[in-house]
Amino acid sequence: MRQSFTTVPFKTESSHGLTTVNGVAKFSAAGIVLEYESKLFGVIARGVKEVRLPLDDILDIKFRKGLFKRGAKIEVRTRTFAKLAELPNTDGKLTMKLTRDDFERAKSAV
């Protein structure tokens, strides 16, 4: 069976730094599925959750290269705040930080 999506691990955190999130983003022709676990103060886990972002809900997706593949990130803006309510976001924009190892995978996914 052939995979019809590209999986990219990511990290993000709230603007005040109290909540950190580790997860995977699954990119497909239908949209993005985010599986993640958030931790309060980096210790208190809130369990694994899932958010589905169909293409119709996505305003735009940008891949930011960073410098020498360091600091690369994917920025996703949605048409409504409701979809990203449980994830740390800034004005409806989710910033997913990537590791250097996932640079090429993330670039092709976007």
C-alpha atoms as a PDB file:
ATOM      1  CA  MET A   1       0.000   0.000   0.000  1.00  0.00           C
ATOM      2  CA  ARG A   2       1.372   3.407  -0.999  1.00  0.00           C
ATOM      3  CA  GLN A   3       1.331   6.324   1.432  1.00  0.00           C
ATOM      4  CA  SER A   4      -0.650   9.261   0.090  1.00  0.00           C
ATOM      5  CA  PHE A   5       0.707  11.787   2.584  1.00  0.00           C
ATOM      6  CA  THR A   6       4.020  13.223   3.769  1.00  0.00           C
ATOM      7  CA  THR A   7       4.695  13.214   7.502  1.00  0.00           C
ATOM      8  CA  VAL A   8       6.780  16.004   9.041  1.00  0.00           C
ATOM      9  CA  PRO A   9       7.633  16.161  12.780  1.00  0.00           C
ATOM     10  CA  PHE A  10       7.351  19.624  14.330  1.00  0.00           C
ATOM     11  CA  LYS A  11       7.553  21.628  17.554  1.00  0.00           C
ATOM     12  CA  THR A  12       5.859  24.840  18.564  1.00  0.00           C
ATOM     13  CA  GLU A  13       5.223  26.782  21.744  1.00  0.00           C
ATOM     14  CA  SER A  14       2.915  29.441  23.079  1.00  0.00           C
ATOM     15  CA  SER A  15       4.123  33.043  22.921  1.00  0.00           C
ATOM     16  CA  HIS A  16       4.602  33.140  26.701  1.00  0.00           C
ATOM     17  CA  GLY A  17       6.498  29.813  26.653  1.00  0.00           C
ATOM     18  CA  LEU A  18       4.301  28.004  29.180  1.00  0.00           C
ATOM     19  CA  THR A  19       2.993  25.433  26.701  1.00  0.00           C
ATOM     20  CA  THR A  20       5.214  23.386  24.383  1.00  0.00           C
ATOM     21  CA  VAL A  21       3.871  21.147  21.637  1.00  0.00           C
ATOM     22  CA  ASN A  22       5.505  18.177  19.900  1.00  0.00           C
ATOM     23  CA  GLY A  23       3.724  16.627  16.974  1.00  0.00           C
ATOM     24  CA  VAL A  24       3.598  15.405  13.408  1.00  0.00           C
ATOM     25  CA  ALA A  25       1.926  17.109  10.481  1.00  0.00           C
ATOM     26  CA  LYS A  26       0.570  14.855   7.743  1.00  0.00           C
ATOM     27  CA  PHE A  27       0.295  16.709   4.432  1.00  0.00           C
ATOM     28  CA  SER A  28      -1.938  15.290   1.689  1.00  0.00           C
ATOM     29  CA  ALA A  29      -3.968  16.499  -1.281  1.00  0.00           C
ATOM     30  CA  ALA A  30      -6.979  16.757   1.066  1.00  0.00           C
ATOM     31  CA  GLY A  31      -5.263  19.018   3.611  1.00  0.00           C
ATOM     32  CA  ILE A  32      -3.216  18.662   6.791  1.00  0.00           C
ATOM     33  CA  VAL A  33      -3.752  16.431   9.822  1.00  0.00           C
ATOM     34  CA  LEU A  34      -1.906  17.542  12.960  1.00  0.00           C
ATOM     35  CA  GLU A  35      -1.290  14.963  15.694  1.00  0.00           C
ATOM     36  CA  TYR A  36       0.290  16.507  18.756  1.00  0.00           C
ATOM     37  CA  GLU A  37       0.842  16.423  22.480  1.00  0.00           C
ATOM     38  CA  SER A  38       1.033  19.636  24.459  1.00  0.00           C
ATOM     39  CA  LYS A  39       2.809  19.995  27.781  1.00  0.00           C
ATOM     40  CA  LEU A  40       2.298  22.712  30.349  1.00  0.00           C
ATOM     41  CA  PHE A  41       5.642  23.937  31.745  1.00  0.00           C
ATOM     42  CA  GLY A  42       7.280  21.162  29.674  1.00  0.00           C
ATOM     43  CA  VAL A  43       6.122  18.542  32.203  1.00  0.00           C
ATOM     44  CA  ILE A  44       2.350  18.175  32.521  1.00  0.00           C
ATOM     45  CA  ALA A  45       1.151  16.270  29.437  1.00  0.00           C
ATOM     46  CA  ARG A  46      -2.345  16.893  28.172  1.00  0.00           C
ATOM     47  CA  GLY A  47      -2.645  13.760  26.027  1.00  0.00           C
ATOM     48  CA  VAL A  48      -2.393  13.251  22.279  1.00  0.00           C
ATOM     49  CA  LYS A  49      -4.869  15.240  20.174  1.00  0.00           C
ATOM     50  CA  GLU A  50      -5.649  15.624  16.503  1.00  0.00           C
ATOM     51  CA  VAL A  51      -6.709  18.574  14.349  1.00  0.00           C
ATOM     52  CA  ARG A  52      -7.797  18.185  10.733  1.00  0.00           C
ATOM     53  CA  LEU A  53      -7.329  21.133   8.393  1.00  0.00           C
ATOM     54  CA  PRO A  54      -9.097  20.506   5.080  1.00  0.00           C
ATOM     55  CA  LEU A  55      -7.804  22.519   2.106  1.00  0.00           C
ATOM     56  CA  ASP A  56     -10.913  24.748   2.243  1.00  0.00           C
ATOM     57  CA  ASP A  57      -9.965  25.873   5.791  1.00  0.00           C
ATOM     58  CA  ILE A  58      -6.355  26.744   4.897  1.00  0.00           C
ATOM     59  CA  LEU A  59      -5.688  30.330   3.820  1.00  0.00           C
ATOM     60  CA  ASP A  60      -2.011  29.752   2.961  1.00  0.00           C
ATOM     61  CA  ILE A  61       1.060  27.679   3.782  1.00  0.00           C
ATOM     62  CA  LYS A  62       4.608  29.035   3.683  1.00  0.00           C
ATOM     63  CA  PHE A  63       7.934  27.276   4.011  1.00  0.00           C
ATOM     64  CA  ARG A  64      10.639  29.403   5.654  1.00  0.00           C
ATOM     65  CA  LYS A  65      14.160  28.106   4.987  1.00  0.00           C
ATOM     66  CA  GLY A  66      16.055  29.552   7.919  1.00  0.00           C
ATOM     67  CA  LEU A  67      19.842  29.814   7.654  1.00  0.00           C
ATOM     68  CA  PHE A  68      21.743  26.744   6.400  1.00  0.00           C
ATOM     69  CA  LYS A  69      18.675  24.581   7.059  1.00  0.00           C
ATOM     70  CA  ARG A  70      18.617  25.700  10.719  1.00  0.00           C
ATOM     71  CA  GLY A  71      15.549  27.498  11.983  1.00  0.00           C
ATOM     72  CA  ALA A  72      13.406  26.202   9.121  1.00  0.00           C
ATOM     73  CA  LYS A  73       9.673  26.378   9.749  1.00  0.00           C
ATOM     74  CA  ILE A  74       6.285  25.958   8.163  1.00  0.00           C
ATOM     75  CA  GLU A  75       3.669  28.655   8.699  1.00  0.00           C
ATOM     76  CA  VAL A  76       0.013  27.786   8.250  1.00  0.00           C
ATOM     77  CA  ARG A  77      -2.760  30.387   8.291  1.00  0.00           C
ATOM     78  CA  THR A  78      -6.373  29.275   8.507  1.00  0.00           C
ATOM     79  CA  ARG A  79      -9.599  30.971   7.459  1.00  0.00           C
ATOM     80  CA  THR A  80     -11.043  30.631  10.983  1.00  0.00           C
ATOM     81  CA  PHE A  81      -9.484  30.723  14.447  1.00  0.00           C
ATOM     82  CA  ALA A  82     -11.600  27.771  15.602  1.00  0.00           C
ATOM     83  CA  LYS A  83      -9.398  25.121  13.949  1.00  0.00           C
ATOM     84  CA  LEU A  84      -6.236  26.261  15.721  1.00  0.00           C
ATOM     85  CA  ALA A  85      -7.814  27.156  19.057  1.00  0.00           C
ATOM     86  CA  GLU A  86      -6.089  24.340  20.959  1.00  0.00           C
ATOM     87  CA  LEU A  87      -2.664  24.903  19.401  1.00  0.00           C
ATOM     88  CA  PRO A  88      -0.373  27.836  20.167  1.00  0.00           C
ATOM     89  CA  ASN A  89      -0.953  30.328  17.354  1.00  0.00           C
ATOM     90  CA  THR A  90      -0.537  34.004  16.669  1.00  0.00           C
ATOM     91  CA  ASP A  91      -3.553  35.671  15.055  1.00  0.00           C
ATOM     92  CA  GLY A  92      -4.599  32.405  13.418  1.00  0.00           C
ATOM     93  CA  LYS A  93      -1.088  31.511  12.204  1.00  0.00           C
ATOM     94  CA  LEU A  94       0.535  28.280  13.382  1.00  0.00           C
ATOM     95  CA  THR A  95       4.343  28.224  13.214  1.00  0.00           C
ATOM     96  CA  MET A  96       5.804  24.712  13.127  1.00  0.00           C
ATOM     97  CA  LYS A  97       9.516  24.601  13.928  1.00  0.00           C
ATOM     98  CA  LEU A  98      11.486  21.902  12.111  1.00  0.00           C
ATOM     99  CA  THR A  99      14.723  20.049  12.736  1.00  0.00           C
ATOM    100  CA  ARG A 100      17.522  20.179  10.200  1.00  0.00           C
ATOM    101  CA  ASP A 101      16.955  16.482   9.378  1.00  0.00           C
ATOM    102  CA  ASP A 102      13.378  17.174   8.263  1.00  0.00           C
ATOM    103  CA  PHE A 103      14.233  20.159   6.028  1.00  0.00           C
ATOM    104  CA  GLU A 104      13.868  18.408   2.626  1.00  0.00           C
ATOM    105  CA  ARG A 105      10.764  16.453   3.658  1.00  0.00           C
ATOM    106  CA  ALA A 106       9.059  19.632   4.890  1.00  0.00           C
ATOM    107  CA  LYS A 107      10.020  21.582   1.778  1.00  0.00           C
ATOM    108  CA  SER A 108       8.506  18.943  -0.520  1.00  0.00           C
ATOM    109  CA  ALA A 109       5.383  18.619   1.666  1.00  0.00           C
ATOM    110  CA  VAL A 110       4.575  22.320   1.399  1.00  0.00           C
END
